Amino acid sequence: DTMKKMSVKERQQWSKNQAYISLGNLMTVCAVEGIDSCPMEG
């Protein structure tokens, strides 16, 4: 029901929010493991 009440655009934005969480998590794990990274939106 929650997903049904959203528009396609809203559902995509909701997913994008999760993507940023994963980016931050990956960057932190990279740092802990001594791996370099470069986040890019561009």
Full PDB file with SEQRES, HELIX, SHEET, SSBOND, CRYST1, ORIGX, SCALE, CONECT and MASTER records, all heavy atoms in Angstrom:
SEQRES   1 A   42  ASP THR MET LYS LYS MET SER VAL LYS GLU ARG GLN GLN          
SEQRES   2 A   42  TRP SER LYS ASN GLN ALA TYR ILE SER LEU GLY ASN LEU          
SEQRES   3 A   42  MET THR VAL CYS ALA VAL GLU GLY ILE ASP SER CYS PRO          
SEQRES   4 A   42  MET GLU GLY                                                  
HELIX    1 AA1 THR A    2  LYS A    5  1                                   4    
HELIX    2 AA2 VAL A    8  VAL A   32  1                                  25    
CRYST1    1.000    1.000    1.000  90.00  90.00  90.00 P 1           1          
ORIGX1      1.000000  0.000000  0.000000        0.00000                         
ORIGX2      0.000000  1.000000  0.000000        0.00000                         
ORIGX3      0.000000  0.000000  1.000000        0.00000                         
SCALE1      1.000000  0.000000  0.000000        0.00000                         
SCALE2      0.000000  1.000000  0.000000        0.00000                         
SCALE3      0.000000  0.000000  1.000000        0.00000                         
ATOM      1  N   ASP A   1       0.811  -1.203   0.000  1.00  0.00           N  
ATOM      2  CA  ASP A   1       0.000   0.000   0.000  1.00  0.00           C  
ATOM      3  C   ASP A   1       0.855   1.268   0.000  1.00  0.00           C  
ATOM      4  O   ASP A   1       0.551   2.241  -0.703  1.00  0.00           O  
ATOM      5  CB  ASP A   1      -0.923  -0.002   1.220  1.00  0.00           C  
ATOM      6  CG  ASP A   1      -1.928   1.138   1.202  1.00  0.00           C  
ATOM      7  OD1 ASP A   1      -2.670   1.254   0.222  1.00  0.00           O  
ATOM      8  OD2 ASP A   1      -1.945   1.925   2.180  1.00  0.00           O  
ATOM      9  N   THR A   2       1.949   1.236   0.763  1.00  0.00           N  
ATOM     10  CA  THR A   2       2.870   2.385   0.821  1.00  0.00           C  
ATOM     11  C   THR A   2       3.445   2.678  -0.556  1.00  0.00           C  
ATOM     12  O   THR A   2       3.493   3.838  -0.992  1.00  0.00           O  
ATOM     13  CB  THR A   2       4.007   2.113   1.816  1.00  0.00           C  
ATOM     14  OG1 THR A   2       3.455   1.975   3.130  1.00  0.00           O  
ATOM     15  CG2 THR A   2       5.022   3.253   1.820  1.00  0.00           C  
ATOM     16  N   MET A   3       3.897   1.651  -1.240  1.00  0.00           N  
ATOM     17  CA  MET A   3       4.478   1.830  -2.572  1.00  0.00           C  
ATOM     18  C   MET A   3       3.422   2.258  -3.593  1.00  0.00           C  
ATOM     19  O   MET A   3       3.684   3.073  -4.468  1.00  0.00           O  
ATOM     20  CB  MET A   3       5.165   0.532  -3.028  1.00  0.00           C  
ATOM     21  CG  MET A   3       6.397   0.196  -2.225  1.00  0.00           C  
ATOM     22  SD  MET A   3       7.671   1.460  -2.386  1.00  0.00           S  
ATOM     23  CE  MET A   3       8.411   1.413  -0.757  1.00  0.00           C  
ATOM     24  N   LYS A   4       2.212   1.729  -3.439  1.00  0.00           N  
ATOM     25  CA  LYS A   4       1.135   2.048  -4.372  1.00  0.00           C  
ATOM     26  C   LYS A   4       0.752   3.521  -4.302  1.00  0.00           C  
ATOM     27  O   LYS A   4       0.370   4.139  -5.302  1.00  0.00           O  
ATOM     28  CB  LYS A   4      -0.080   1.169  -4.072  1.00  0.00           C  
ATOM     29  CG  LYS A   4      -1.206   1.301  -5.072  1.00  0.00           C  
ATOM     30  CD  LYS A   4      -2.343   0.337  -4.736  1.00  0.00           C  
ATOM     31  CE  LYS A   4      -3.487   0.461  -5.732  1.00  0.00           C  
ATOM     32  NZ  LYS A   4      -4.596  -0.468  -5.395  1.00  0.00           N  
ATOM     33  N   LYS A   5       0.869   4.115  -3.125  1.00  0.00           N  
ATOM     34  CA  LYS A   5       0.485   5.508  -2.930  1.00  0.00           C  
ATOM     35  C   LYS A   5       1.506   6.486  -3.523  1.00  0.00           C  
ATOM     36  O   LYS A   5       1.214   7.664  -3.686  1.00  0.00           O  
ATOM     37  CB  LYS A   5       0.306   5.802  -1.445  1.00  0.00           C  
ATOM     38  CG  LYS A   5      -0.937   5.161  -0.850  1.00  0.00           C  
ATOM     39  CD  LYS A   5      -1.032   5.416   0.644  1.00  0.00           C  
ATOM     40  CE  LYS A   5      -2.281   4.781   1.233  1.00  0.00           C  
ATOM     41  NZ  LYS A   5      -2.348   4.968   2.704  1.00  0.00           N  
ATOM     42  N   MET A   6       2.708   5.991  -3.827  1.00  0.00           N  
ATOM     43  CA  MET A   6       3.741   6.838  -4.425  1.00  0.00           C  
ATOM     44  C   MET A   6       3.602   6.859  -5.939  1.00  0.00           C  
ATOM     45  O   MET A   6       3.139   5.883  -6.551  1.00  0.00           O  
ATOM     46  CB  MET A   6       5.140   6.306  -4.084  1.00  0.00           C  
ATOM     47  CG  MET A   6       5.521   6.340  -2.633  1.00  0.00           C  
ATOM     48  SD  MET A   6       7.241   5.721  -2.455  1.00  0.00           S  
ATOM     49  CE  MET A   6       7.395   5.683  -0.666  1.00  0.00           C  
ATOM     50  N   SER A   7       4.046   7.954  -6.559  1.00  0.00           N  
ATOM     51  CA  SER A   7       4.174   7.991  -8.009  1.00  0.00           C  
ATOM     52  C   SER A   7       5.454   7.253  -8.410  1.00  0.00           C  
ATOM     53  O   SER A   7       6.299   6.954  -7.547  1.00  0.00           O  
ATOM     54  CB  SER A   7       4.244   9.435  -8.496  1.00  0.00           C  
ATOM     55  OG  SER A   7       5.433  10.056  -8.030  1.00  0.00           O  
ATOM     56  N   VAL A   8       5.610   6.970  -9.687  1.00  0.00           N  
ATOM     57  CA  VAL A   8       6.844   6.324 -10.159  1.00  0.00           C  
ATOM     58  C   VAL A   8       8.053   7.178  -9.794  1.00  0.00           C  
ATOM     59  O   VAL A   8       9.076   6.665  -9.320  1.00  0.00           O  
ATOM     60  CB  VAL A   8       6.799   6.083 -11.684  1.00  0.00           C  
ATOM     61  CG1 VAL A   8       8.152   5.574 -12.188  1.00  0.00           C  
ATOM     62  CG2 VAL A   8       5.700   5.094 -12.037  1.00  0.00           C  
ATOM     63  N   LYS A   9       7.923   8.486  -9.994  1.00  0.00           N  
ATOM     64  CA  LYS A   9       9.015   9.405  -9.672  1.00  0.00           C  
ATOM     65  C   LYS A   9       9.354   9.364  -8.195  1.00  0.00           C  
ATOM     66  O   LYS A   9      10.536   9.377  -7.805  1.00  0.00           O  
ATOM     67  CB  LYS A   9       8.639  10.830 -10.086  1.00  0.00           C  
ATOM     68  CG  LYS A   9       9.770  11.833  -9.926  1.00  0.00           C  
ATOM     69  CD  LYS A   9       9.361  13.202 -10.455  1.00  0.00           C  
ATOM     70  CE  LYS A   9      10.513  14.204 -10.293  1.00  0.00           C  
ATOM     71  NZ  LYS A   9      10.117  15.551 -10.829  1.00  0.00           N  
ATOM     72  N   GLU A  10       8.350   9.294  -7.347  1.00  0.00           N  
ATOM     73  CA  GLU A  10       8.580   9.223  -5.898  1.00  0.00           C  
ATOM     74  C   GLU A  10       9.236   7.899  -5.513  1.00  0.00           C  
ATOM     75  O   GLU A  10      10.119   7.864  -4.641  1.00  0.00           O  
ATOM     76  CB  GLU A  10       7.268   9.402  -5.156  1.00  0.00           C  
ATOM     77  CG  GLU A  10       6.749  10.829  -5.179  1.00  0.00           C  
ATOM     78  CD  GLU A  10       5.350  10.956  -4.600  1.00  0.00           C  
ATOM     79  OE1 GLU A  10       4.563   9.969  -4.670  1.00  0.00           O  
ATOM     80  OE2 GLU A  10       5.023  12.044  -4.085  1.00  0.00           O  
ATOM     81  N   ARG A  11       8.823   6.827  -6.151  1.00  0.00           N  
ATOM     82  CA  ARG A  11       9.446   5.530  -5.860  1.00  0.00           C  
ATOM     83  C   ARG A  11      10.903   5.524  -6.306  1.00  0.00           C  
ATOM     84  O   ARG A  11      11.769   4.962  -5.629  1.00  0.00           O  
ATOM     85  CB  ARG A  11       8.665   4.395  -6.529  1.00  0.00           C  
ATOM     86  CG  ARG A  11       7.327   4.106  -5.863  1.00  0.00           C  
ATOM     87  CD  ARG A  11       6.719   2.801  -6.354  1.00  0.00           C  
ATOM     88  NE  ARG A  11       6.257   2.869  -7.721  1.00  0.00           N  
ATOM     89  CZ  ARG A  11       5.015   3.203  -8.095  1.00  0.00           C  
ATOM     90  NH1 ARG A  11       4.106   3.515  -7.181  1.00  0.00           N  
ATOM     91  NH2 ARG A  11       4.669   3.212  -9.378  1.00  0.00           N  
ATOM     92  N   GLN A  12      11.194   6.158  -7.441  1.00  0.00           N  
ATOM     93  CA  GLN A  12      12.582   6.243  -7.899  1.00  0.00           C  
ATOM     94  C   GLN A  12      13.415   7.088  -6.936  1.00  0.00           C  
ATOM     95  O   GLN A  12      14.555   6.730  -6.628  1.00  0.00           O  
ATOM     96  CB  GLN A  12      12.633   6.824  -9.308  1.00  0.00           C  
ATOM     97  CG  GLN A  12      12.133   5.873 -10.379  1.00  0.00           C  
ATOM     98  CD  GLN A  12      12.199   6.470 -11.770  1.00  0.00           C  
ATOM     99  OE1 GLN A  12      12.443   7.659 -11.952  1.00  0.00           O  
ATOM    100  NE2 GLN A  12      11.981   5.642 -12.782  1.00  0.00           N  
ATOM    101  N   GLN A  13      12.856   8.194  -6.460  1.00  0.00           N  
ATOM    102  CA  GLN A  13      13.581   9.028  -5.510  1.00  0.00           C  
ATOM    103  C   GLN A  13      13.823   8.270  -4.208  1.00  0.00           C  
ATOM    104  O   GLN A  13      14.890   8.382  -3.611  1.00  0.00           O  
ATOM    105  CB  GLN A  13      12.808  10.320  -5.225  1.00  0.00           C  
ATOM    106  CG  GLN A  13      13.539  11.285  -4.288  1.00  0.00           C  
ATOM    107  CD  GLN A  13      14.905  11.692  -4.831  1.00  0.00           C  
ATOM    108  OE1 GLN A  13      15.009  12.166  -5.966  1.00  0.00           O  
ATOM    109  NE2 GLN A  13      15.957  11.505  -4.031  1.00  0.00           N  
ATOM    110  N   TRP A  14      12.852   7.504  -3.789  1.00  0.00           N  
ATOM    111  CA  TRP A  14      12.995   6.672  -2.584  1.00  0.00           C  
ATOM    112  C   TRP A  14      14.160   5.704  -2.767  1.00  0.00           C  
ATOM    113  O   TRP A  14      14.980   5.531  -1.858  1.00  0.00           O  
ATOM    114  CB  TRP A  14      11.675   5.925  -2.355  1.00  0.00           C  
ATOM    115  CG  TRP A  14      11.647   5.073  -1.135  1.00  0.00           C  
ATOM    116  CD1 TRP A  14      11.353   5.456   0.151  1.00  0.00           C  
ATOM    117  CD2 TRP A  14      11.903   3.666  -1.075  1.00  0.00           C  
ATOM    118  NE1 TRP A  14      11.425   4.378   0.998  1.00  0.00           N  
ATOM    119  CE2 TRP A  14      11.761   3.270   0.271  1.00  0.00           C  
ATOM    120  CE3 TRP A  14      12.245   2.709  -2.023  1.00  0.00           C  
ATOM    121  CZ2 TRP A  14      11.943   1.949   0.688  1.00  0.00           C  
ATOM    122  CZ3 TRP A  14      12.435   1.409  -1.621  1.00  0.00           C  
ATOM    123  CH2 TRP A  14      12.278   1.037  -0.282  1.00  0.00           C  
ATOM    124  N   SER A  15      14.255   5.110  -3.944  1.00  0.00           N  
ATOM    125  CA  SER A  15      15.362   4.196  -4.222  1.00  0.00           C  
ATOM    126  C   SER A  15      16.699   4.928  -4.273  1.00  0.00           C  
ATOM    127  O   SER A  15      17.721   4.408  -3.823  1.00  0.00           O  
ATOM    128  CB  SER A  15      15.127   3.447  -5.539  1.00  0.00           C  
ATOM    129  OG  SER A  15      14.079   2.513  -5.414  1.00  0.00           O  
ATOM    130  N   LYS A  16      16.706   6.141  -4.842  1.00  0.00           N  
ATOM    131  CA  LYS A  16      17.940   6.929  -4.891  1.00  0.00           C  
ATOM    132  C   LYS A  16      18.466   7.202  -3.485  1.00  0.00           C  
ATOM    133  O   LYS A  16      19.681   7.201  -3.251  1.00  0.00           O  
ATOM    134  CB  LYS A  16      17.715   8.247  -5.626  1.00  0.00           C  
ATOM    135  CG  LYS A  16      17.619   8.109  -7.132  1.00  0.00           C  
ATOM    136  CD  LYS A  16      17.437   9.468  -7.797  1.00  0.00           C  
ATOM    137  CE  LYS A  16      17.310   9.326  -9.313  1.00  0.00           C  
ATOM    138  NZ  LYS A  16      17.116  10.644  -9.963  1.00  0.00           N  
ATOM    139  N   ASN A  17      17.561   7.447  -2.551  1.00  0.00           N  
ATOM    140  CA  ASN A  17      17.988   7.668  -1.172  1.00  0.00           C  
ATOM    141  C   ASN A  17      18.741   6.453  -0.640  1.00  0.00           C  
ATOM    142  O   ASN A  17      19.733   6.587   0.086  1.00  0.00           O  
ATOM    143  CB  ASN A  17      16.780   7.956  -0.276  1.00  0.00           C  
ATOM    144  CG  ASN A  17      16.088   9.256  -0.620  1.00  0.00           C  
ATOM    145  OD1 ASN A  17      16.661  10.121  -1.284  1.00  0.00           O  
ATOM    146  ND2 ASN A  17      14.852   9.412  -0.179  1.00  0.00           N  
ATOM    147  N   GLN A  18      18.287   5.266  -1.017  1.00  0.00           N  
ATOM    148  CA  GLN A  18      18.963   4.043  -0.586  1.00  0.00           C  
ATOM    149  C   GLN A  18      20.336   3.914  -1.261  1.00  0.00           C  
ATOM    150  O   GLN A  18      21.294   3.415  -0.672  1.00  0.00           O  
ATOM    151  CB  GLN A  18      18.115   2.802  -0.914  1.00  0.00           C  
ATOM    152  CG  GLN A  18      16.630   2.919  -0.623  1.00  0.00           C  
ATOM    153  CD  GLN A  18      16.311   3.479   0.738  1.00  0.00           C  
ATOM    154  OE1 GLN A  18      16.818   3.006   1.762  1.00  0.00           O  
ATOM    155  NE2 GLN A  18      15.460   4.499   0.775  1.00  0.00           N  
ATOM    156  N   ALA A  19      20.410   4.381  -2.512  1.00  0.00           N  
ATOM    157  CA  ALA A  19      21.678   4.326  -3.247  1.00  0.00           C  
ATOM    158  C   ALA A  19      22.749   5.155  -2.547  1.00  0.00           C  
ATOM    159  O   ALA A  19      23.912   4.746  -2.463  1.00  0.00           O  
ATOM    160  CB  ALA A  19      21.479   4.805  -4.682  1.00  0.00           C  
ATOM    161  N   TYR A  20      22.360   6.324  -2.024  1.00  0.00           N  
ATOM    162  CA  TYR A  20      23.330   7.169  -1.321  1.00  0.00           C  
ATOM    163  C   TYR A  20      23.785   6.518  -0.015  1.00  0.00           C  
ATOM    164  O   TYR A  20      24.945   6.666   0.391  1.00  0.00           O  
ATOM    165  CB  TYR A  20      22.738   8.555  -1.073  1.00  0.00           C  
ATOM    166  CG  TYR A  20      22.861   9.461  -2.262  1.00  0.00           C  
ATOM    167  CD1 TYR A  20      21.853   9.540  -3.218  1.00  0.00           C  
ATOM    168  CD2 TYR A  20      24.002  10.236  -2.457  1.00  0.00           C  
ATOM    169  CE1 TYR A  20      21.969  10.358  -4.331  1.00  0.00           C  
ATOM    170  CE2 TYR A  20      24.122  11.057  -3.566  1.00  0.00           C  
ATOM    171  CZ  TYR A  20      23.104  11.118  -4.496  1.00  0.00           C  
ATOM    172  OH  TYR A  20      23.234  11.930  -5.598  1.00  0.00           O  
ATOM    173  N   ILE A  21      22.879   5.816   0.651  1.00  0.00           N  
ATOM    174  CA  ILE A  21      23.273   5.084   1.857  1.00  0.00           C  
ATOM    175  C   ILE A  21      24.336   4.048   1.502  1.00  0.00           C  
ATOM    176  O   ILE A  21      25.350   3.898   2.195  1.00  0.00           O  
ATOM    177  CB  ILE A  21      22.055   4.409   2.516  1.00  0.00           C  
ATOM    178  CG1 ILE A  21      21.080   5.467   3.028  1.00  0.00           C  
ATOM    179  CG2 ILE A  21      22.500   3.507   3.667  1.00  0.00           C  
ATOM    180  CD1 ILE A  21      19.743   4.900   3.490  1.00  0.00           C  
ATOM    181  N   SER A  22      24.119   3.337   0.401  1.00  0.00           N  
ATOM    182  CA  SER A  22      25.080   2.305  -0.010  1.00  0.00           C  
ATOM    183  C   SER A  22      26.420   2.923  -0.395  1.00  0.00           C  
ATOM    184  O   SER A  22      27.478   2.334  -0.129  1.00  0.00           O  
ATOM    185  CB  SER A  22      24.516   1.477  -1.176  1.00  0.00           C  
ATOM    186  OG  SER A  22      24.506   2.203  -2.389  1.00  0.00           O  
ATOM    187  N   LEU A  23      26.384   4.093  -1.020  1.00  0.00           N  
ATOM    188  CA  LEU A  23      27.628   4.774  -1.383  1.00  0.00           C  
ATOM    189  C   LEU A  23      28.442   5.103  -0.140  1.00  0.00           C  
ATOM    190  O   LEU A  23      29.643   4.833  -0.081  1.00  0.00           O  
ATOM    191  CB  LEU A  23      27.322   6.051  -2.168  1.00  0.00           C  
ATOM    192  CG  LEU A  23      28.534   6.917  -2.543  1.00  0.00           C  
ATOM    193  CD1 LEU A  23      29.408   6.208  -3.577  1.00  0.00           C  
ATOM    194  CD2 LEU A  23      28.084   8.278  -3.077  1.00  0.00           C  
ATOM    195  N   GLY A  24      27.785   5.683   0.863  1.00  0.00           N  
ATOM    196  CA  GLY A  24      28.491   6.009   2.095  1.00  0.00           C  
ATOM    197  C   GLY A  24      29.053   4.771   2.779  1.00  0.00           C  
ATOM    198  O   GLY A  24      30.189   4.782   3.282  1.00  0.00           O  
ATOM    199  N   ASN A  25      28.267   3.708   2.779  1.00  0.00           N  
ATOM    200  CA  ASN A  25      28.736   2.467   3.389  1.00  0.00           C  
ATOM    201  C   ASN A  25      29.959   1.920   2.657  1.00  0.00           C  
ATOM    202  O   ASN A  25      30.955   1.523   3.292  1.00  0.00           O  
ATOM    203  CB  ASN A  25      27.611   1.433   3.374  1.00  0.00           C  
ATOM    204  CG  ASN A  25      27.958   0.178   4.138  1.00  0.00           C  
ATOM    205  OD1 ASN A  25      28.532   0.226   5.225  1.00  0.00           O  
ATOM    206  ND2 ASN A  25      27.621  -0.965   3.581  1.00  0.00           N  
ATOM    207  N   LEU A  26      29.917   1.908   1.339  1.00  0.00           N  
ATOM    208  CA  LEU A  26      31.045   1.411   0.547  1.00  0.00           C  
ATOM    209  C   LEU A  26      32.297   2.244   0.764  1.00  0.00           C  
ATOM    210  O   LEU A  26      33.408   1.706   0.885  1.00  0.00           O  
ATOM    211  CB  LEU A  26      30.691   1.401  -0.940  1.00  0.00           C  
ATOM    212  CG  LEU A  26      29.821   0.242  -1.423  1.00  0.00           C  
ATOM    213  CD1 LEU A  26      29.369   0.490  -2.862  1.00  0.00           C  
ATOM    214  CD2 LEU A  26      30.565  -1.085  -1.325  1.00  0.00           C  
ATOM    215  N   MET A  27      32.152   3.571   0.823  1.00  0.00           N  
ATOM    216  CA  MET A  27      33.302   4.440   1.034  1.00  0.00           C  
ATOM    217  C   MET A  27      33.952   4.180   2.389  1.00  0.00           C  
ATOM    218  O   MET A  27      35.186   4.165   2.504  1.00  0.00           O  
ATOM    219  CB  MET A  27      32.876   5.906   0.925  1.00  0.00           C  
ATOM    220  CG  MET A  27      32.517   6.334  -0.486  1.00  0.00           C  
ATOM    221  SD  MET A  27      31.691   7.944  -0.526  1.00  0.00           S  
ATOM    222  CE  MET A  27      32.987   8.982   0.167  1.00  0.00           C  
ATOM    223  N   THR A  28      33.130   3.966   3.403  1.00  0.00           N  
ATOM    224  CA  THR A  28      33.667   3.685   4.735  1.00  0.00           C  
ATOM    225  C   THR A  28      34.391   2.346   4.764  1.00  0.00           C  
ATOM    226  O   THR A  28      35.497   2.232   5.311  1.00  0.00           O  
ATOM    227  CB  THR A  28      32.542   3.704   5.781  1.00  0.00           C  
ATOM    228  OG1 THR A  28      31.949   5.006   5.803  1.00  0.00           O  
ATOM    229  CG2 THR A  28      33.078   3.385   7.164  1.00  0.00           C  
ATOM    230  N   VAL A  29      33.767   1.331   4.170  1.00  0.00           N  
ATOM    231  CA  VAL A  29      34.412   0.009   4.139  1.00  0.00           C  
ATOM    232  C   VAL A  29      35.707   0.073   3.334  1.00  0.00           C  
ATOM    233  O   VAL A  29      36.716  -0.536   3.718  1.00  0.00           O  
ATOM    234  CB  VAL A  29      33.441  -1.051   3.565  1.00  0.00           C  
ATOM    235  CG1 VAL A  29      34.158  -2.378   3.367  1.00  0.00           C  
ATOM    236  CG2 VAL A  29      32.254  -1.227   4.492  1.00  0.00           C  
ATOM    237  N   CYS A  30      35.707   0.810   2.236  1.00  0.00           N  
ATOM    238  CA  CYS A  30      36.941   0.996   1.466  1.00  0.00           C  
ATOM    239  C   CYS A  30      38.041   1.574   2.357  1.00  0.00           C  
ATOM    240  O   CYS A  30      39.175   1.088   2.359  1.00  0.00           O  
ATOM    241  CB  CYS A  30      36.700   1.934   0.283  1.00  0.00           C  
ATOM    242  SG  CYS A  30      35.956   1.165  -1.171  1.00  0.00           S  
ATOM    243  N   ALA A  31      37.712   2.618   3.105  1.00  0.00           N  
ATOM    244  CA  ALA A  31      38.702   3.259   3.968  1.00  0.00           C  
ATOM    245  C   ALA A  31      39.254   2.276   4.997  1.00  0.00           C  
ATOM    246  O   ALA A  31      40.469   2.181   5.200  1.00  0.00           O  
ATOM    247  CB  ALA A  31      38.087   4.471   4.665  1.00  0.00           C  
ATOM    248  N   VAL A  32      38.378   1.541   5.628  1.00  0.00           N  
ATOM    249  CA  VAL A  32      38.799   0.575   6.648  1.00  0.00           C  
ATOM    250  C   VAL A  32      39.695  -0.505   6.047  1.00  0.00           C  
ATOM    251  O   VAL A  32      40.653  -0.966   6.671  1.00  0.00           O  
ATOM    252  CB  VAL A  32      37.561  -0.054   7.324  1.00  0.00           C  
ATOM    253  CG1 VAL A  32      37.962  -1.232   8.212  1.00  0.00           C  
ATOM    254  CG2 VAL A  32      36.829   1.007   8.163  1.00  0.00           C  
ATOM    255  N   GLU A  33      39.416  -0.873   4.805  1.00  0.00           N  
ATOM    256  CA  GLU A  33      40.182  -1.923   4.131  1.00  0.00           C  
ATOM    257  C   GLU A  33      41.418  -1.390   3.409  1.00  0.00           C  
ATOM    258  O   GLU A  33      42.146  -2.160   2.777  1.00  0.00           O  
ATOM    259  CB  GLU A  33      39.294  -2.650   3.122  1.00  0.00           C  
ATOM    260  CG  GLU A  33      38.189  -3.488   3.750  1.00  0.00           C  
ATOM    261  CD  GLU A  33      38.725  -4.667   4.535  1.00  0.00           C  
ATOM    262  OE1 GLU A  33      39.768  -5.233   4.122  1.00  0.00           O  
ATOM    263  OE2 GLU A  33      38.117  -5.021   5.558  1.00  0.00           O  
ATOM    264  N   GLY A  34      41.666  -0.071   3.495  1.00  0.00           N  
ATOM    265  CA  GLY A  34      42.835   0.506   2.823  1.00  0.00           C  
ATOM    266  C   GLY A  34      42.673   0.573   1.314  1.00  0.00           C  
ATOM    267  O   GLY A  34      43.656   0.518   0.568  1.00  0.00           O  
ATOM    268  N   ILE A  35      41.436   0.714   0.856  1.00  0.00           N  
ATOM    269  CA  ILE A  35      41.128   0.808  -0.569  1.00  0.00           C  
ATOM    270  C   ILE A  35      40.734   2.251  -0.882  1.00  0.00           C  
ATOM    271  O   ILE A  35      39.961   2.859  -0.138  1.00  0.00           O  
ATOM    272  CB  ILE A  35      39.976  -0.142  -0.947  1.00  0.00           C  
ATOM    273  CG1 ILE A  35      40.357  -1.595  -0.664  1.00  0.00           C  
ATOM    274  CG2 ILE A  35      39.570   0.031  -2.409  1.00  0.00           C  
ATOM    275  CD1 ILE A  35      39.178  -2.560  -0.729  1.00  0.00           C  
ATOM    276  N   ASP A  36      41.264   2.786  -1.953  1.00  0.00           N  
ATOM    277  CA  ASP A  36      40.916   4.149  -2.347  1.00  0.00           C  
ATOM    278  C   ASP A  36      39.646   4.154  -3.197  1.00  0.00           C  
ATOM    279  O   ASP A  36      39.349   3.189  -3.906  1.00  0.00           O  
ATOM    280  CB  ASP A  36      42.070   4.785  -3.124  1.00  0.00           C  
ATOM    281  CG  ASP A  36      43.236   5.125  -2.214  1.00  0.00           C  
ATOM    282  OD1 ASP A  36      43.061   5.975  -1.326  1.00  0.00           O  
ATOM    283  OD2 ASP A  36      44.317   4.523  -2.385  1.00  0.00           O  
ATOM    284  N   SER A  37      38.947   5.279  -3.122  1.00  0.00           N  
ATOM    285  CA  SER A  37      37.701   5.406  -3.878  1.00  0.00           C  
ATOM    286  C   SER A  37      37.452   6.868  -4.204  1.00  0.00           C  
ATOM    287  O   SER A  37      38.079   7.760  -3.625  1.00  0.00           O  
ATOM    288  CB  SER A  37      36.522   4.840  -3.076  1.00  0.00           C  
ATOM    289  OG  SER A  37      36.291   5.620  -1.910  1.00  0.00           O  
ATOM    290  N   CYS A  38      36.524   7.095  -5.125  1.00  0.00           N  
ATOM    291  CA  CYS A  38      36.162   8.466  -5.499  1.00  0.00           C  
ATOM    292  C   CYS A  38      34.682   8.516  -5.855  1.00  0.00           C  
ATOM    293  O   CYS A  38      34.293   8.082  -6.939  1.00  0.00           O  
ATOM    294  CB  CYS A  38      37.008   8.953  -6.671  1.00  0.00           C  
ATOM    295  SG  CYS A  38      36.666  10.683  -7.108  1.00  0.00           S  
ATOM    296  N   PRO A  39      33.839   9.012  -4.953  1.00  0.00           N  
ATOM    297  CA  PRO A  39      32.410   9.087  -5.250  1.00  0.00           C  
ATOM    298  C   PRO A  39      32.136  10.090  -6.354  1.00  0.00           C  
ATOM    299  O   PRO A  39      32.727  11.162  -6.386  1.00  0.00           O  
ATOM    300  CB  PRO A  39      31.797   9.551  -3.917  1.00  0.00           C  
ATOM    301  CG  PRO A  39      32.897  10.323  -3.252  1.00  0.00           C  
ATOM    302  CD  PRO A  39      34.166   9.609  -3.634  1.00  0.00           C  
ATOM    303  N   MET A  40      31.239   9.738  -7.252  1.00  0.00           N  
ATOM    304  CA  MET A  40      30.955  10.601  -8.402  1.00  0.00           C  
ATOM    305  C   MET A  40      29.459  10.707  -8.670  1.00  0.00           C  
ATOM    306  O   MET A  40      28.774   9.695  -8.852  1.00  0.00           O  
ATOM    307  CB  MET A  40      31.619  10.054  -9.667  1.00  0.00           C  
ATOM    308  CG  MET A  40      33.112  10.138  -9.697  1.00  0.00           C  
ATOM    309  SD  MET A  40      33.732   9.506 -11.292  1.00  0.00           S  
ATOM    310  CE  MET A  40      35.486   9.772 -11.092  1.00  0.00           C  
ATOM    311  N   GLU A  41      28.976  11.947  -8.706  1.00  0.00           N  
ATOM    312  CA  GLU A  41      27.655  12.242  -9.233  1.00  0.00           C  
ATOM    313  C   GLU A  41      27.767  12.830 -10.635  1.00  0.00           C  
ATOM    314  O   GLU A  41      26.787  12.863 -11.374  1.00  0.00           O  
ATOM    315  CB  GLU A  41      26.937  13.253  -8.337  1.00  0.00           C  
ATOM    316  CG  GLU A  41      26.586  12.761  -6.950  1.00  0.00           C  
ATOM    317  CD  GLU A  41      25.916  13.840  -6.130  1.00  0.00           C  
ATOM    318  OE1 GLU A  41      26.549  14.891  -5.885  1.00  0.00           O  
ATOM    319  OE2 GLU A  41      24.750  13.629  -5.739  1.00  0.00           O  
ATOM    320  N   GLY A  42      28.967  13.292 -10.973  1.00  0.00           N  
ATOM    321  CA  GLY A  42      29.190  13.988 -12.233  1.00  0.00           C  
ATOM    322  C   GLY A  42      29.368  13.047 -13.412  1.00  0.00           C  
ATOM    323  O   GLY A  42      30.502  12.723 -13.802  1.00  0.00           O  
TER     324      GLY A  42                                                      
MASTER        0    0    0    2    0    0    0    6  323    1    0    4          
END                                                                             
